[in-house]
Amino acid sequence: MDETVELTVLENDKTISVASKLSGHQEELQDRDHEFLSLAIEDVYIGVNCGHGGPFGAVVVLNNEIVVQCHNMVLEYSDPTAHAEITAVREPCKQLGRIELSDCDMYVSCEPCPMCLDAIHLARFKRLVYGAQAEAAIAIGFDDFIADAIRRTAQYQKINLEIKRAYFDHATIACIEFLKKKNEKEREGIAAERERKREREREREREREGE
C-alpha cells in the first residue's frame, strides 16, 4: 500500500478534504490565469487591427482587479521600446504611485524579450504568466535572438519571479493572424506599386502620342 493510501486510511476524510482543497485552489488559479491571459490576447487583436504594432498584449492585475490592459505601440509611437510589457510596467507605477509592484501579476500574450523581462524584474512583479513561446514571435519575423538571449543567461532562474506558461492556443493564433495581416498589407502594397507603374507607363504613352 502506498503512502497516500495509508494516510487516507489513518486520517480518513481529513486527508481527502485537504487534497480536494489543493486541487480546487489550483483549478481556480488556472481559470483566473486563462481569464486574464484572454484579455491580453484581446488587446493583441485591437493593436493589430489598428496597425499600432506587433501582436503583443499585456494585462496587469492587483487583487484580482485589472490595473492596466495594453498592447504593442511601436509603430503608432515610432518608438522601438513601446512594447506592451513596458507600458504594463510604466502605467501601474504611475497609477499606484510606486516603483515596486510586488503584489501584482502580469499576463502577456507572448514570452517577453530581454528588455521587457528586465523591466518586469526591476518592478518586482510577483508573477508573470505568458501564452505563446518566443519561437512563435520568431516564426513571424521578429528577432531570433530573444529566446536564446533569455535562456542562455538563465535569467528566468536567477530572478526572484514566478514565471508560468499557460498553454493557450489563442496566443499563437494571434501571432498567425498578425502574419496574415502583414502579408496582406505587403501584397496590397505590391499591387498598388504595380498599378502606379502601369499608370506611369500609360502617361508616357499618352505623351508620346501627343508629340
N, C-alpha and C. Protein backbone atom coordinates (compact mmCIF):
# COMPACT_ATOMS: atom_id res chain seq x y z
N MET A 1 0.85 -1.20 0.00
CA MET A 1 0.00 0.00 0.00
C MET A 1 0.88 1.24 0.00
N ASP A 2 0.62 2.23 -0.87
CA ASP A 2 1.48 3.39 -0.92
C ASP A 2 1.12 4.38 0.18
N GLU A 3 1.97 5.40 0.33
CA GLU A 3 1.85 6.34 1.44
C GLU A 3 0.54 7.11 1.39
N THR A 4 0.10 7.47 0.23
CA THR A 4 -1.13 8.25 0.10
C THR A 4 -2.33 7.46 0.61
N VAL A 5 -2.38 6.18 0.23
CA VAL A 5 -3.49 5.33 0.67
C VAL A 5 -3.44 5.13 2.16
N GLU A 6 -2.24 4.92 2.74
CA GLU A 6 -2.10 4.75 4.18
C GLU A 6 -2.61 5.98 4.92
N LEU A 7 -2.22 7.14 4.46
CA LEU A 7 -2.67 8.37 5.10
C LEU A 7 -4.19 8.49 5.03
N THR A 8 -4.72 8.09 3.91
CA THR A 8 -6.17 8.17 3.74
C THR A 8 -6.88 7.26 4.74
N VAL A 9 -6.31 6.10 4.97
CA VAL A 9 -6.90 5.16 5.92
C VAL A 9 -6.76 5.68 7.34
N LEU A 10 -5.56 6.20 7.68
CA LEU A 10 -5.30 6.66 9.03
C LEU A 10 -6.09 7.92 9.38
N GLU A 11 -6.12 8.87 8.43
CA GLU A 11 -6.76 10.15 8.73
C GLU A 11 -8.13 10.28 8.09
N ASN A 12 -8.52 9.24 7.44
CA ASN A 12 -9.85 9.17 6.84
C ASN A 12 -10.13 10.35 5.93
N ASP A 13 -11.31 10.98 6.07
CA ASP A 13 -11.70 12.01 5.09
C ASP A 13 -10.95 13.31 5.26
N LYS A 14 -10.20 13.47 6.37
CA LYS A 14 -9.40 14.69 6.55
C LYS A 14 -8.37 14.82 5.43
N THR A 15 -7.71 13.72 5.10
CA THR A 15 -6.73 13.72 4.02
C THR A 15 -7.40 14.02 2.68
N ILE A 16 -8.55 13.44 2.47
CA ILE A 16 -9.27 13.65 1.22
C ILE A 16 -9.65 15.12 1.07
N SER A 17 -10.11 15.72 2.17
CA SER A 17 -10.54 17.12 2.08
C SER A 17 -9.36 18.05 1.80
N VAL A 18 -8.19 17.75 2.36
CA VAL A 18 -7.00 18.56 2.10
C VAL A 18 -6.62 18.47 0.62
N ALA A 19 -6.59 17.25 0.09
CA ALA A 19 -6.24 17.06 -1.31
C ALA A 19 -7.23 17.77 -2.22
N SER A 20 -8.51 17.67 -1.85
CA SER A 20 -9.54 18.32 -2.65
C SER A 20 -9.39 19.83 -2.63
N LYS A 21 -9.01 20.35 -1.46
CA LYS A 21 -8.83 21.80 -1.33
C LYS A 21 -7.70 22.29 -2.22
N LEU A 22 -6.58 21.57 -2.21
CA LEU A 22 -5.44 21.95 -3.04
C LEU A 22 -5.82 21.91 -4.52
N SER A 23 -6.53 20.86 -4.91
CA SER A 23 -6.94 20.72 -6.30
C SER A 23 -7.85 21.87 -6.70
N GLY A 24 -8.79 22.22 -5.83
CA GLY A 24 -9.70 23.32 -6.11
C GLY A 24 -8.99 24.64 -6.27
N HIS A 25 -7.98 24.88 -5.42
CA HIS A 25 -7.21 26.12 -5.50
C HIS A 25 -6.46 26.21 -6.82
N GLN A 26 -5.86 25.08 -7.23
CA GLN A 26 -5.12 25.08 -8.49
C GLN A 26 -6.04 25.31 -9.68
N GLU A 27 -7.21 24.73 -9.64
CA GLU A 27 -8.17 24.93 -10.73
C GLU A 27 -8.62 26.39 -10.78
N GLU A 28 -8.85 26.97 -9.61
CA GLU A 28 -9.27 28.38 -9.55
C GLU A 28 -8.19 29.29 -10.11
N LEU A 29 -6.93 29.00 -9.74
CA LEU A 29 -5.80 29.79 -10.23
C LEU A 29 -5.66 29.64 -11.74
N GLN A 30 -5.82 28.43 -12.23
CA GLN A 30 -5.71 28.19 -13.67
C GLN A 30 -6.82 28.93 -14.43
N ASP A 31 -8.03 28.90 -13.90
CA ASP A 31 -9.15 29.62 -14.53
C ASP A 31 -8.87 31.12 -14.56
N ARG A 32 -8.34 31.64 -13.46
CA ARG A 32 -8.04 33.07 -13.39
C ARG A 32 -6.95 33.43 -14.39
N ASP A 33 -5.92 32.59 -14.47
CA ASP A 33 -4.83 32.85 -15.42
C ASP A 33 -5.36 32.89 -16.86
N HIS A 34 -6.22 31.97 -17.20
CA HIS A 34 -6.76 31.94 -18.56
C HIS A 34 -7.67 33.14 -18.83
N GLU A 35 -8.40 33.57 -17.81
CA GLU A 35 -9.28 34.73 -17.98
C GLU A 35 -8.47 35.98 -18.31
N PHE A 36 -7.43 36.24 -17.53
CA PHE A 36 -6.65 37.46 -17.74
C PHE A 36 -5.77 37.35 -18.99
N LEU A 37 -5.29 36.14 -19.27
CA LEU A 37 -4.50 35.97 -20.49
C LEU A 37 -5.38 36.20 -21.73
N SER A 38 -6.63 35.78 -21.64
CA SER A 38 -7.57 36.02 -22.74
C SER A 38 -7.71 37.52 -23.01
N LEU A 39 -7.74 38.32 -21.95
CA LEU A 39 -7.86 39.77 -22.11
C LEU A 39 -6.61 40.37 -22.75
N ALA A 40 -5.44 39.82 -22.38
CA ALA A 40 -4.20 40.29 -23.01
C ALA A 40 -4.22 39.99 -24.51
N ILE A 41 -4.75 38.83 -24.87
CA ILE A 41 -4.81 38.45 -26.28
C ILE A 41 -5.87 39.27 -27.02
N GLU A 42 -6.95 39.64 -26.34
CA GLU A 42 -7.94 40.55 -26.95
C GLU A 42 -7.27 41.85 -27.38
N ASP A 43 -6.38 42.36 -26.53
CA ASP A 43 -5.70 43.60 -26.86
C ASP A 43 -4.74 43.42 -28.03
N VAL A 44 -4.22 42.21 -28.21
CA VAL A 44 -3.38 41.93 -29.37
C VAL A 44 -4.15 42.25 -30.65
N TYR A 45 -5.37 41.74 -30.74
CA TYR A 45 -6.18 41.95 -31.94
C TYR A 45 -6.52 43.42 -32.14
N ILE A 46 -6.77 44.14 -31.05
CA ILE A 46 -7.05 45.57 -31.16
C ILE A 46 -5.84 46.29 -31.76
N GLY A 47 -4.66 45.99 -31.22
CA GLY A 47 -3.45 46.64 -31.72
C GLY A 47 -3.14 46.30 -33.16
N VAL A 48 -3.30 45.03 -33.51
CA VAL A 48 -3.01 44.60 -34.89
C VAL A 48 -4.00 45.23 -35.87
N ASN A 49 -5.28 45.22 -35.52
CA ASN A 49 -6.30 45.79 -36.41
C ASN A 49 -6.13 47.30 -36.60
N CYS A 50 -5.60 47.96 -35.58
CA CYS A 50 -5.37 49.41 -35.68
C CYS A 50 -4.01 49.75 -36.28
N GLY A 51 -3.18 48.73 -36.50
CA GLY A 51 -1.85 48.96 -37.05
C GLY A 51 -0.89 49.62 -36.08
N HIS A 52 -1.12 49.39 -34.79
CA HIS A 52 -0.28 50.04 -33.78
C HIS A 52 1.10 49.40 -33.63
N GLY A 53 1.19 48.10 -33.89
CA GLY A 53 2.48 47.42 -33.71
C GLY A 53 2.34 45.92 -33.80
N GLY A 54 3.28 45.21 -33.21
CA GLY A 54 3.31 43.75 -33.26
C GLY A 54 2.21 43.11 -32.44
N PRO A 55 2.05 41.78 -32.57
CA PRO A 55 0.95 41.06 -31.92
C PRO A 55 1.23 40.70 -30.47
N PHE A 56 1.34 41.72 -29.64
CA PHE A 56 1.69 41.50 -28.24
C PHE A 56 0.79 42.33 -27.34
N GLY A 57 0.22 41.67 -26.33
CA GLY A 57 -0.66 42.35 -25.39
C GLY A 57 -0.29 42.00 -23.96
N ALA A 58 -0.72 42.85 -23.02
CA ALA A 58 -0.39 42.62 -21.61
C ALA A 58 -1.51 43.12 -20.71
N VAL A 59 -1.65 42.47 -19.57
CA VAL A 59 -2.62 42.87 -18.55
C VAL A 59 -1.92 42.79 -17.20
N VAL A 60 -2.11 43.81 -16.37
CA VAL A 60 -1.57 43.80 -15.01
C VAL A 60 -2.73 43.70 -14.03
N VAL A 61 -2.59 42.80 -13.06
CA VAL A 61 -3.67 42.51 -12.12
C VAL A 61 -3.19 42.70 -10.69
N LEU A 62 -4.01 43.39 -9.90
CA LEU A 62 -3.75 43.58 -8.47
C LEU A 62 -5.01 43.17 -7.72
N ASN A 63 -4.87 42.17 -6.85
CA ASN A 63 -6.02 41.68 -6.07
C ASN A 63 -7.21 41.32 -6.96
N ASN A 64 -6.90 40.62 -8.05
CA ASN A 64 -7.92 40.17 -9.00
C ASN A 64 -8.62 41.30 -9.75
N GLU A 65 -8.07 42.51 -9.68
CA GLU A 65 -8.61 43.65 -10.41
C GLU A 65 -7.60 44.10 -11.46
N ILE A 66 -8.09 44.43 -12.65
CA ILE A 66 -7.19 44.88 -13.72
C ILE A 66 -6.74 46.31 -13.46
N VAL A 67 -5.44 46.51 -13.46
CA VAL A 67 -4.86 47.84 -13.30
C VAL A 67 -4.64 48.48 -14.66
N VAL A 68 -4.13 47.70 -15.60
CA VAL A 68 -3.91 48.21 -16.96
C VAL A 68 -4.02 47.06 -17.95
N GLN A 69 -4.54 47.38 -19.13
CA GLN A 69 -4.64 46.43 -20.24
C GLN A 69 -4.12 47.17 -21.47
N CYS A 70 -3.11 46.62 -22.15
CA CYS A 70 -2.45 47.38 -23.21
C CYS A 70 -1.88 46.46 -24.28
N HIS A 71 -1.35 47.09 -25.35
CA HIS A 71 -0.75 46.31 -26.43
C HIS A 71 0.46 47.05 -27.00
N ASN A 72 1.16 46.38 -27.88
CA ASN A 72 2.36 46.95 -28.52
C ASN A 72 2.00 48.20 -29.32
N MET A 73 2.78 49.29 -29.11
CA MET A 73 2.52 50.58 -29.77
C MET A 73 3.75 51.07 -30.54
N VAL A 74 4.61 50.16 -30.93
CA VAL A 74 5.88 50.53 -31.58
C VAL A 74 5.66 51.36 -32.85
N LEU A 75 4.76 50.93 -33.70
CA LEU A 75 4.52 51.66 -34.95
C LEU A 75 3.76 52.96 -34.72
N GLU A 76 2.79 52.93 -33.83
CA GLU A 76 1.99 54.12 -33.56
C GLU A 76 2.83 55.26 -33.00
N TYR A 77 3.77 54.91 -32.10
CA TYR A 77 4.61 55.93 -31.46
C TYR A 77 5.96 56.11 -32.14
N SER A 78 6.25 55.30 -33.15
CA SER A 78 7.59 55.28 -33.76
C SER A 78 8.66 55.14 -32.68
N ASP A 79 8.40 54.21 -31.77
CA ASP A 79 9.26 54.00 -30.60
C ASP A 79 9.55 52.51 -30.47
N PRO A 80 10.78 52.08 -30.72
CA PRO A 80 11.11 50.65 -30.67
C PRO A 80 11.01 50.05 -29.27
N THR A 81 10.89 50.90 -28.25
CA THR A 81 10.76 50.37 -26.88
C THR A 81 9.31 50.33 -26.40
N ALA A 82 8.37 50.71 -27.24
CA ALA A 82 6.96 50.79 -26.81
C ALA A 82 6.29 49.42 -26.85
N HIS A 83 6.92 48.46 -26.21
CA HIS A 83 6.36 47.12 -26.11
C HIS A 83 5.21 47.11 -25.12
N ALA A 84 4.33 46.13 -25.25
CA ALA A 84 3.18 46.03 -24.34
C ALA A 84 3.65 45.91 -22.89
N GLU A 85 4.70 45.13 -22.67
CA GLU A 85 5.17 44.91 -21.30
C GLU A 85 5.76 46.17 -20.68
N ILE A 86 6.40 47.01 -21.50
CA ILE A 86 6.97 48.25 -20.97
C ILE A 86 5.84 49.17 -20.50
N THR A 87 4.78 49.29 -21.31
CA THR A 87 3.61 50.06 -20.88
C THR A 87 3.00 49.45 -19.63
N ALA A 88 3.00 48.12 -19.57
CA ALA A 88 2.41 47.41 -18.43
C ALA A 88 3.26 47.54 -17.17
N VAL A 89 4.45 48.06 -17.29
CA VAL A 89 5.28 48.41 -16.13
C VAL A 89 5.07 49.88 -15.78
N ARG A 90 5.12 50.75 -16.77
CA ARG A 90 5.06 52.20 -16.53
C ARG A 90 3.72 52.66 -15.98
N GLU A 91 2.63 52.21 -16.62
CA GLU A 91 1.31 52.72 -16.25
C GLU A 91 0.88 52.35 -14.82
N PRO A 92 1.05 51.09 -14.38
CA PRO A 92 0.70 50.78 -12.99
C PRO A 92 1.54 51.56 -11.98
N CYS A 93 2.82 51.75 -12.30
CA CYS A 93 3.66 52.54 -11.39
C CYS A 93 3.12 53.96 -11.26
N LYS A 94 2.70 54.55 -12.38
CA LYS A 94 2.11 55.90 -12.35
C LYS A 94 0.80 55.91 -11.57
N GLN A 95 -0.07 54.95 -11.88
CA GLN A 95 -1.39 54.92 -11.25
C GLN A 95 -1.32 54.66 -9.75
N LEU A 96 -0.42 53.76 -9.36
CA LEU A 96 -0.32 53.38 -7.95
C LEU A 96 0.65 54.25 -7.18
N GLY A 97 1.43 55.07 -7.89
CA GLY A 97 2.36 55.98 -7.24
C GLY A 97 3.53 55.30 -6.56
N ARG A 98 4.02 54.21 -7.17
CA ARG A 98 5.17 53.50 -6.59
C ARG A 98 5.93 52.79 -7.70
N ILE A 99 7.17 52.42 -7.39
CA ILE A 99 8.01 51.78 -8.40
C ILE A 99 8.15 50.28 -8.18
N GLU A 100 7.54 49.76 -7.14
CA GLU A 100 7.60 48.32 -6.86
C GLU A 100 6.20 47.74 -6.96
N LEU A 101 6.07 46.68 -7.74
CA LEU A 101 4.77 46.06 -7.99
C LEU A 101 4.76 44.60 -7.54
N SER A 102 5.31 44.37 -6.37
CA SER A 102 5.49 43.01 -5.88
C SER A 102 4.19 42.30 -5.52
N ASP A 103 3.09 43.04 -5.50
CA ASP A 103 1.79 42.43 -5.24
C ASP A 103 0.96 42.30 -6.52
N CYS A 104 1.61 42.49 -7.65
CA CYS A 104 0.91 42.45 -8.95
C CYS A 104 1.35 41.26 -9.80
N ASP A 105 0.44 40.78 -10.62
CA ASP A 105 0.74 39.75 -11.62
C ASP A 105 0.67 40.39 -13.00
N MET A 106 1.52 39.93 -13.91
CA MET A 106 1.45 40.39 -15.29
C MET A 106 1.13 39.21 -16.20
N TYR A 107 0.19 39.43 -17.10
CA TYR A 107 -0.20 38.42 -18.09
C TYR A 107 0.17 38.95 -19.46
N VAL A 108 0.94 38.19 -20.22
CA VAL A 108 1.39 38.65 -21.53
C VAL A 108 1.10 37.57 -22.58
N SER A 109 0.77 38.03 -23.78
CA SER A 109 0.38 37.09 -24.83
C SER A 109 1.54 36.23 -25.32
N CYS A 110 2.76 36.73 -25.16
CA CYS A 110 3.94 36.00 -25.66
C CYS A 110 5.10 36.18 -24.68
N GLU A 111 5.95 35.21 -24.65
CA GLU A 111 7.16 35.26 -23.82
C GLU A 111 7.91 36.57 -24.07
N PRO A 112 8.26 37.30 -23.02
CA PRO A 112 8.86 38.63 -23.20
C PRO A 112 10.30 38.60 -23.69
N CYS A 113 10.68 39.69 -24.35
CA CYS A 113 12.06 39.85 -24.80
C CYS A 113 12.94 40.22 -23.60
N PRO A 114 14.26 40.19 -23.75
CA PRO A 114 15.15 40.51 -22.62
C PRO A 114 14.90 41.90 -22.03
N MET A 115 14.65 42.90 -22.88
CA MET A 115 14.38 44.25 -22.38
C MET A 115 13.16 44.25 -21.46
N CYS A 116 12.09 43.62 -21.91
CA CYS A 116 10.85 43.60 -21.14
C CYS A 116 11.00 42.76 -19.87
N LEU A 117 11.71 41.65 -19.97
CA LEU A 117 11.92 40.82 -18.79
C LEU A 117 12.70 41.58 -17.73
N ASP A 118 13.69 42.36 -18.15
CA ASP A 118 14.45 43.18 -17.20
C ASP A 118 13.55 44.21 -16.53
N ALA A 119 12.67 44.84 -17.31
CA ALA A 119 11.75 45.84 -16.75
C ALA A 119 10.79 45.20 -15.75
N ILE A 120 10.30 44.02 -16.09
CA ILE A 120 9.39 43.29 -15.19
C ILE A 120 10.11 42.96 -13.89
N HIS A 121 11.36 42.55 -14.01
CA HIS A 121 12.18 42.24 -12.84
C HIS A 121 12.42 43.47 -11.98
N LEU A 122 12.76 44.59 -12.62
CA LEU A 122 13.03 45.83 -11.88
C LEU A 122 11.81 46.30 -11.10
N ALA A 123 10.63 46.04 -11.65
CA ALA A 123 9.39 46.45 -10.97
C ALA A 123 8.97 45.44 -9.90
N ARG A 124 9.69 44.34 -9.81
CA ARG A 124 9.47 43.33 -8.77
C ARG A 124 8.07 42.69 -8.83
N PHE A 125 7.62 42.40 -10.03
CA PHE A 125 6.33 41.72 -10.15
C PHE A 125 6.35 40.39 -9.42
N LYS A 126 5.19 39.98 -8.92
CA LYS A 126 5.09 38.72 -8.19
C LYS A 126 5.07 37.53 -9.15
N ARG A 127 4.25 37.64 -10.19
CA ARG A 127 4.10 36.54 -11.14
C ARG A 127 4.07 37.07 -12.57
N LEU A 128 4.56 36.23 -13.48
CA LEU A 128 4.47 36.51 -14.91
C LEU A 128 3.88 35.28 -15.58
N VAL A 129 2.76 35.46 -16.25
CA VAL A 129 2.11 34.36 -16.96
C VAL A 129 2.08 34.72 -18.44
N TYR A 130 2.61 33.84 -19.29
CA TYR A 130 2.65 34.14 -20.72
C TYR A 130 1.98 33.02 -21.52
N GLY A 131 1.58 33.36 -22.75
CA GLY A 131 0.90 32.39 -23.62
C GLY A 131 1.85 31.74 -24.59
N ALA A 132 2.06 32.36 -25.74
CA ALA A 132 2.93 31.79 -26.77
C ALA A 132 4.40 31.88 -26.35
N GLN A 133 5.20 30.93 -26.80
CA GLN A 133 6.64 30.98 -26.56
C GLN A 133 7.30 31.94 -27.55
N ALA A 134 8.52 32.34 -27.23
CA ALA A 134 9.24 33.29 -28.08
C ALA A 134 9.37 32.79 -29.52
N GLU A 135 9.42 31.47 -29.69
CA GLU A 135 9.55 30.90 -31.03
C GLU A 135 8.38 31.30 -31.94
N ALA A 136 7.20 31.54 -31.34
CA ALA A 136 6.05 31.96 -32.15
C ALA A 136 6.30 33.33 -32.75
N ALA A 137 6.93 34.22 -31.98
CA ALA A 137 7.26 35.55 -32.49
C ALA A 137 8.37 35.46 -33.54
N ILE A 138 9.34 34.59 -33.28
CA ILE A 138 10.44 34.41 -34.23
C ILE A 138 9.90 33.91 -35.57
N ALA A 139 8.92 33.00 -35.51
CA ALA A 139 8.36 32.40 -36.72
C ALA A 139 7.68 33.41 -37.62
N ILE A 140 7.24 34.54 -37.06
CA ILE A 140 6.57 35.55 -37.90
C ILE A 140 7.48 36.75 -38.16
N GLY A 141 8.79 36.57 -37.92
CA GLY A 141 9.74 37.57 -38.38
C GLY A 141 10.38 38.45 -37.33
N PHE A 142 10.09 38.21 -36.05
CA PHE A 142 10.73 39.03 -35.02
C PHE A 142 12.11 38.46 -34.68
N ASP A 143 12.92 39.26 -34.00
CA ASP A 143 14.32 38.91 -33.76
C ASP A 143 14.48 37.53 -33.16
N ASP A 144 15.37 36.73 -33.76
CA ASP A 144 15.55 35.36 -33.29
C ASP A 144 16.52 35.25 -32.12
N PHE A 145 17.06 36.38 -31.66
CA PHE A 145 17.98 36.32 -30.51
C PHE A 145 17.21 36.28 -29.20
N ILE A 146 15.92 36.55 -29.23
CA ILE A 146 15.16 36.73 -27.99
C ILE A 146 15.20 35.49 -27.12
N ALA A 147 14.76 34.35 -27.67
CA ALA A 147 14.70 33.13 -26.86
C ALA A 147 16.08 32.71 -26.39
N ASP A 148 17.07 32.74 -27.29
CA ASP A 148 18.42 32.33 -26.92
C ASP A 148 19.01 33.25 -25.86
N ALA A 149 18.77 34.55 -25.99
CA ALA A 149 19.33 35.51 -25.04
C ALA A 149 18.78 35.26 -23.65
N ILE A 150 17.49 34.99 -23.57
CA ILE A 150 16.86 34.75 -22.27
C ILE A 150 17.37 33.45 -21.66
N ARG A 151 17.40 32.39 -22.45
CA ARG A 151 17.72 31.08 -21.88
C ARG A 151 19.22 30.88 -21.68
N ARG A 152 20.01 31.55 -22.52
CA ARG A 152 21.45 31.40 -22.37
C ARG A 152 21.94 32.03 -21.07
N THR A 153 21.37 33.18 -20.72
CA THR A 153 21.80 33.86 -19.50
C THR A 153 21.08 33.33 -18.27
N ALA A 154 20.15 32.41 -18.49
CA ALA A 154 19.41 31.79 -17.39
C ALA A 154 18.75 32.83 -16.50
N GLN A 155 18.26 33.92 -17.11
CA GLN A 155 17.61 34.96 -16.32
C GLN A 155 16.38 34.44 -15.60
N TYR A 156 15.68 33.51 -16.22
CA TYR A 156 14.46 33.00 -15.59
C TYR A 156 14.76 32.35 -14.24
N GLN A 157 15.92 31.71 -14.18
CA GLN A 157 16.26 31.02 -12.94
C GLN A 157 16.85 31.98 -11.89
N LYS A 158 17.48 33.04 -12.35
CA LYS A 158 18.19 33.93 -11.43
C LYS A 158 17.29 34.94 -10.74
N ILE A 159 16.25 35.39 -11.42
CA ILE A 159 15.43 36.45 -10.84
C ILE A 159 14.36 35.87 -9.93
N ASN A 160 14.00 36.66 -8.94
CA ASN A 160 13.01 36.21 -7.96
C ASN A 160 11.61 36.52 -8.49
N LEU A 161 11.19 35.75 -9.47
CA LEU A 161 9.92 35.98 -10.14
C LEU A 161 9.33 34.65 -10.55
N GLU A 162 8.08 34.42 -10.17
CA GLU A 162 7.41 33.20 -10.59
C GLU A 162 6.96 33.36 -12.04
N ILE A 163 7.43 32.49 -12.90
CA ILE A 163 7.10 32.57 -14.32
C ILE A 163 6.39 31.29 -14.74
N LYS A 164 5.26 31.47 -15.39
CA LYS A 164 4.45 30.31 -15.77
C LYS A 164 3.98 30.47 -17.21
N ARG A 165 4.05 29.37 -17.94
CA ARG A 165 3.45 29.37 -19.27
C ARG A 165 2.06 28.75 -19.19
N ALA A 166 1.07 29.50 -19.63
CA ALA A 166 -0.29 28.97 -19.70
C ALA A 166 -0.50 28.49 -21.13
N TYR A 167 -0.73 27.21 -21.30
CA TYR A 167 -0.88 26.65 -22.65
C TYR A 167 -2.21 27.13 -23.24
N PHE A 168 -2.10 28.05 -24.16
CA PHE A 168 -3.27 28.75 -24.67
C PHE A 168 -3.11 28.95 -26.16
N ASP A 169 -3.83 28.17 -26.95
CA ASP A 169 -3.67 28.20 -28.41
C ASP A 169 -3.94 29.58 -29.00
N HIS A 170 -4.84 30.33 -28.37
CA HIS A 170 -5.20 31.64 -28.92
C HIS A 170 -4.01 32.58 -28.97
N ALA A 171 -3.03 32.38 -28.09
CA ALA A 171 -1.84 33.24 -28.10
C ALA A 171 -1.06 33.05 -29.39
N THR A 172 -0.88 31.81 -29.80
CA THR A 172 -0.18 31.53 -31.05
C THR A 172 -1.01 31.95 -32.25
N ILE A 173 -2.33 31.75 -32.15
CA ILE A 173 -3.22 32.14 -33.25
C ILE A 173 -3.12 33.64 -33.49
N ALA A 174 -2.98 34.42 -32.41
CA ALA A 174 -2.86 35.87 -32.55
C ALA A 174 -1.63 36.23 -33.37
N CYS A 175 -0.54 35.51 -33.15
CA CYS A 175 0.68 35.74 -33.93
C CYS A 175 0.45 35.39 -35.40
N ILE A 176 -0.25 34.30 -35.64
CA ILE A 176 -0.53 33.89 -37.02
C ILE A 176 -1.40 34.93 -37.73
N GLU A 177 -2.39 35.45 -37.00
CA GLU A 177 -3.28 36.47 -37.59
C GLU A 177 -2.48 37.71 -37.96
N PHE A 178 -1.52 38.05 -37.10
CA PHE A 178 -0.67 39.22 -37.39
C PHE A 178 0.10 38.98 -38.68
N LEU A 179 0.65 37.78 -38.83
CA LEU A 179 1.41 37.46 -40.03
C LEU A 179 0.52 37.53 -41.27
N LYS A 180 -0.71 37.05 -41.15
CA LYS A 180 -1.64 37.11 -42.29
C LYS A 180 -1.90 38.56 -42.69
N LYS A 181 -2.17 39.40 -41.69
CA LYS A 181 -2.44 40.81 -41.98
C LYS A 181 -1.22 41.49 -42.57
N LYS A 182 -0.05 41.14 -42.05
CA LYS A 182 1.19 41.71 -42.57
C LYS A 182 1.38 41.31 -44.03
N ASN A 183 1.15 40.05 -44.32
CA ASN A 183 1.29 39.57 -45.71
C ASN A 183 0.27 40.23 -46.63
N GLU A 184 -0.96 40.41 -46.11
CA GLU A 184 -2.00 41.07 -46.91
C GLU A 184 -1.59 42.49 -47.25
N LYS A 185 -1.06 43.20 -46.25
CA LYS A 185 -0.64 44.59 -46.49
C LYS A 185 0.52 44.64 -47.48
N GLU A 186 1.44 43.68 -47.36
CA GLU A 186 2.56 43.65 -48.30
C GLU A 186 2.06 43.38 -49.72
N ARG A 187 1.11 42.45 -49.84
CA ARG A 187 0.55 42.16 -51.17
C ARG A 187 -0.20 43.36 -51.72
N GLU A 188 -0.94 44.05 -50.84
CA GLU A 188 -1.65 45.26 -51.27
C GLU A 188 -0.66 46.33 -51.72
N GLY A 189 0.45 46.45 -50.99
CA GLY A 189 1.47 47.43 -51.36
C GLY A 189 2.11 47.11 -52.70
N ILE A 190 2.38 45.83 -52.93
CA ILE A 190 2.97 45.40 -54.21
C ILE A 190 1.99 45.67 -55.35
N ALA A 191 0.71 45.34 -55.12
CA ALA A 191 -0.30 45.56 -56.16
C ALA A 191 -0.45 47.05 -56.46
N ALA A 192 -0.43 47.88 -55.41
CA ALA A 192 -0.56 49.33 -55.60
C ALA A 192 0.63 49.88 -56.37
N GLU A 193 1.83 49.37 -56.06
CA GLU A 193 3.04 49.83 -56.76
C GLU A 193 3.00 49.42 -58.23
N ARG A 194 2.51 48.23 -58.51
CA ARG A 194 2.38 47.78 -59.91
C ARG A 194 1.40 48.67 -60.67
N GLU A 195 0.29 49.03 -60.00
CA GLU A 195 -0.70 49.89 -60.65
C GLU A 195 -0.13 51.28 -60.92
N ARG A 196 0.66 51.79 -59.96
CA ARG A 196 1.30 53.09 -60.17
C ARG A 196 2.28 53.04 -61.34
N LYS A 197 3.00 51.92 -61.44
CA LYS A 197 3.95 51.74 -62.54
C LYS A 197 3.22 51.70 -63.88
N ARG A 198 2.10 50.96 -63.91
CA ARG A 198 1.32 50.89 -65.15
C ARG A 198 0.76 52.26 -65.53
N GLU A 199 0.34 53.02 -64.53
CA GLU A 199 -0.20 54.35 -64.79
C GLU A 199 0.88 55.28 -65.35
N ARG A 200 2.11 55.16 -64.82
CA ARG A 200 3.22 55.97 -65.35
C ARG A 200 3.51 55.60 -66.80
N GLU A 201 3.46 54.30 -67.08
CA GLU A 201 3.69 53.85 -68.47
C GLU A 201 2.61 54.37 -69.40
N ARG A 202 1.35 54.34 -68.93
CA ARG A 202 0.25 54.86 -69.75
C ARG A 202 0.41 56.36 -69.99
N GLU A 203 0.86 57.07 -68.95
CA GLU A 203 1.08 58.51 -69.08
C GLU A 203 2.17 58.81 -70.10
N ARG A 204 3.27 58.05 -70.05
CA ARG A 204 4.35 58.24 -71.02
C ARG A 204 3.86 57.95 -72.44
N GLU A 205 3.01 56.92 -72.56
CA GLU A 205 2.47 56.56 -73.87
C GLU A 205 1.60 57.69 -74.42
N ARG A 206 0.79 58.28 -73.56
CA ARG A 206 -0.05 59.40 -74.00
C ARG A 206 0.79 60.59 -74.42
N GLU A 207 1.89 60.82 -73.68
CA GLU A 207 2.79 61.93 -74.04
C GLU A 207 3.43 61.70 -75.40
N ARG A 208 3.83 60.45 -75.67
CA ARG A 208 4.45 60.14 -76.96
C ARG A 208 3.44 60.32 -78.10
N GLU A 209 2.20 59.93 -77.85
CA GLU A 209 1.17 60.06 -78.88
C GLU A 209 0.85 61.52 -79.17
N GLY A 210 1.03 62.38 -78.17
CA GLY A 210 0.73 63.79 -78.35
C GLY A 210 1.84 64.56 -79.02
N GLU A 211 3.00 63.95 -79.16
CA GLU A 211 4.13 64.66 -79.79
C GLU A 211 3.95 64.80 -81.30
